[in-house]
Amino acid sequence: MITASLPVLPNVWLGTSVENADYLGRVDDLRKVDAAVRFVSFEPLLGSVARADLRGIQWAIVGGESGPRSRPMAEQWVAEIEAACRKARTAFFFKQWGGVCKKSTGRHYRGRTFDEMPRAVAMS
């Protein structure tokens, strides 16, 4: 296998999706890749990810599944991710609760919207 060292481009963000604890290994893999911003999309969030280690991750996006066959998302799962974000100083973005009619469930969590974005990352 040929490997090459490529420059980290400031306009390229790398991310992965994690739906439940079965896929938490993706976060570890993402952390190994040089990027200006690394993000995890916890959507559709289908189970607890309480063991998520967000060190080295700049942004976490959380959202429930939507559509006619959508599965529910527990508020506790969202709280676990927010706590992991606070511990790792990761920006927390709450996208939606999801559901059959996602507009009616909205995107308020704990009475407000969470639209945090990652801070600019210094290039090394």
Protein backbone atom coordinates (compact mmCIF):
# COMPACT_ATOMS: atom_id res chain seq x y z
CA MET A 1 0.00 0.00 0.00
CA ILE A 2 1.29 3.45 -0.93
CA THR A 3 0.75 6.21 1.59
CA ALA A 4 1.36 9.87 0.96
CA SER A 5 1.46 12.82 3.25
CA LEU A 6 -1.06 15.34 1.98
CA PRO A 7 -1.43 18.89 3.22
CA VAL A 8 -4.31 19.69 5.56
CA LEU A 9 -6.61 22.01 3.65
CA PRO A 10 -8.37 24.61 5.80
CA ASN A 11 -11.58 24.36 3.77
CA VAL A 12 -11.93 20.56 3.99
CA TRP A 13 -13.81 19.14 6.97
CA LEU A 14 -13.89 15.37 7.54
CA GLY A 15 -16.64 13.55 9.34
CA THR A 16 -18.39 10.29 10.00
CA SER A 17 -21.85 9.11 11.04
CA VAL A 18 -22.49 7.22 14.27
CA GLU A 19 -26.00 5.90 14.81
CA ASN A 20 -25.43 3.96 18.04
CA ALA A 21 -22.68 2.40 20.18
CA ASP A 22 -21.99 -0.29 17.55
CA TYR A 23 -20.32 2.37 15.39
CA LEU A 24 -18.27 4.31 17.98
CA GLY A 25 -15.06 2.90 16.47
CA ARG A 26 -15.59 5.29 13.57
CA VAL A 27 -14.77 8.19 15.91
CA ASP A 28 -11.40 6.61 16.76
CA ASP A 29 -10.69 6.13 13.04
CA LEU A 30 -11.63 9.74 12.30
CA ARG A 31 -9.31 11.01 15.02
CA LYS A 32 -6.37 9.37 13.19
CA VAL A 33 -6.89 11.48 10.06
CA ASP A 34 -5.39 14.96 9.78
CA ALA A 35 -8.10 17.51 9.05
CA ALA A 36 -8.80 21.17 9.70
CA VAL A 37 -12.10 20.17 11.33
CA ARG A 38 -13.29 16.69 12.30
CA PHE A 39 -16.99 16.17 12.94
CA VAL A 40 -19.36 13.40 13.95
CA SER A 41 -22.93 13.27 12.74
CA PHE A 42 -24.94 11.39 15.36
CA GLU A 43 -27.88 10.99 13.02
CA PRO A 44 -30.10 9.31 12.88
CA LEU A 45 -29.37 8.71 16.56
CA LEU A 46 -30.85 5.28 17.24
CA GLY A 47 -29.27 4.36 20.57
CA SER A 48 -27.07 5.46 23.42
CA VAL A 49 -23.51 6.54 22.68
CA ALA A 50 -22.66 7.28 26.30
CA ARG A 51 -19.09 5.98 25.82
CA ALA A 52 -18.34 8.48 23.02
CA ASP A 53 -14.89 10.03 23.37
CA LEU A 54 -14.95 13.31 21.46
CA ARG A 55 -11.38 14.41 22.19
CA GLY A 56 -9.93 15.77 18.94
CA ILE A 57 -13.38 16.18 17.40
CA GLN A 58 -14.41 19.78 16.77
CA TRP A 59 -18.12 19.39 16.01
CA ALA A 60 -20.97 17.02 16.91
CA ILE A 61 -24.29 17.13 15.11
CA VAL A 62 -27.26 15.34 16.70
CA GLY A 63 -30.53 14.47 15.02
CA GLY A 64 -33.36 11.99 15.13
CA GLU A 65 -34.62 9.89 12.28
CA SER A 66 -37.45 11.32 10.20
CA GLY A 67 -40.01 9.90 7.84
CA PRO A 68 -42.94 7.47 7.93
CA ARG A 69 -40.96 4.63 9.55
CA SER A 70 -38.83 6.76 11.86
CA ARG A 71 -37.66 5.33 15.14
CA PRO A 72 -37.76 7.48 18.28
CA MET A 73 -34.75 9.21 19.79
CA ALA A 74 -34.46 9.37 23.59
CA GLU A 75 -33.67 12.69 25.26
CA GLN A 76 -31.13 10.88 27.46
CA TRP A 77 -29.09 9.97 24.37
CA VAL A 78 -28.94 13.65 23.39
CA ALA A 79 -27.91 14.58 26.94
CA GLU A 80 -25.08 12.02 26.82
CA ILE A 81 -23.70 13.58 23.65
CA GLU A 82 -24.01 17.11 24.98
CA ALA A 83 -22.10 16.05 28.12
CA ALA A 84 -19.37 14.45 25.98
CA CYS A 85 -19.16 17.67 23.97
CA ARG A 86 -18.77 19.82 27.07
CA LYS A 87 -16.08 17.48 28.43
CA ALA A 88 -14.09 17.55 25.15
CA ARG A 89 -14.85 21.21 24.31
CA THR A 90 -16.60 20.09 21.13
CA ALA A 91 -19.22 22.30 19.48
CA PHE A 92 -22.75 20.85 19.93
CA PHE A 93 -25.34 21.29 17.17
CA PHE A 94 -28.84 19.90 17.75
CA LYS A 95 -30.45 19.46 14.34
CA GLN A 96 -33.87 17.92 15.03
CA TRP A 97 -35.93 15.48 17.06
CA GLY A 98 -37.14 13.76 13.90
CA GLY A 99 -40.31 11.71 13.73
CA VAL A 100 -43.02 11.20 11.15
CA CYS A 101 -43.55 14.95 10.91
CA LYS A 102 -40.20 16.45 11.90
CA LYS A 103 -41.43 20.02 11.61
CA SER A 104 -43.92 19.43 14.41
CA THR A 105 -41.27 17.97 16.76
CA GLY A 106 -38.88 20.83 16.05
CA ARG A 107 -35.30 21.35 17.05
CA HIS A 108 -35.51 22.76 20.55
CA TYR A 109 -33.59 20.84 23.19
CA ARG A 110 -33.87 21.93 26.83
CA GLY A 111 -36.02 24.85 25.73
CA ARG A 112 -33.68 26.37 23.17
CA THR A 113 -31.77 25.79 19.95
CA PHE A 114 -28.15 24.67 19.95
CA ASP A 115 -26.40 25.96 16.83
CA GLU A 116 -22.78 25.79 18.00
CA MET A 117 -20.17 25.69 15.26
CA PRO A 118 -16.52 24.66 15.54
CA ARG A 119 -13.99 27.38 16.15
CA ALA A 120 -11.35 27.93 13.51
CA VAL A 121 -8.59 25.41 13.92
CA ALA A 122 -5.01 26.69 13.85
CA MET A 123 -2.98 25.14 11.07
CA SER A 124 0.26 23.47 12.14
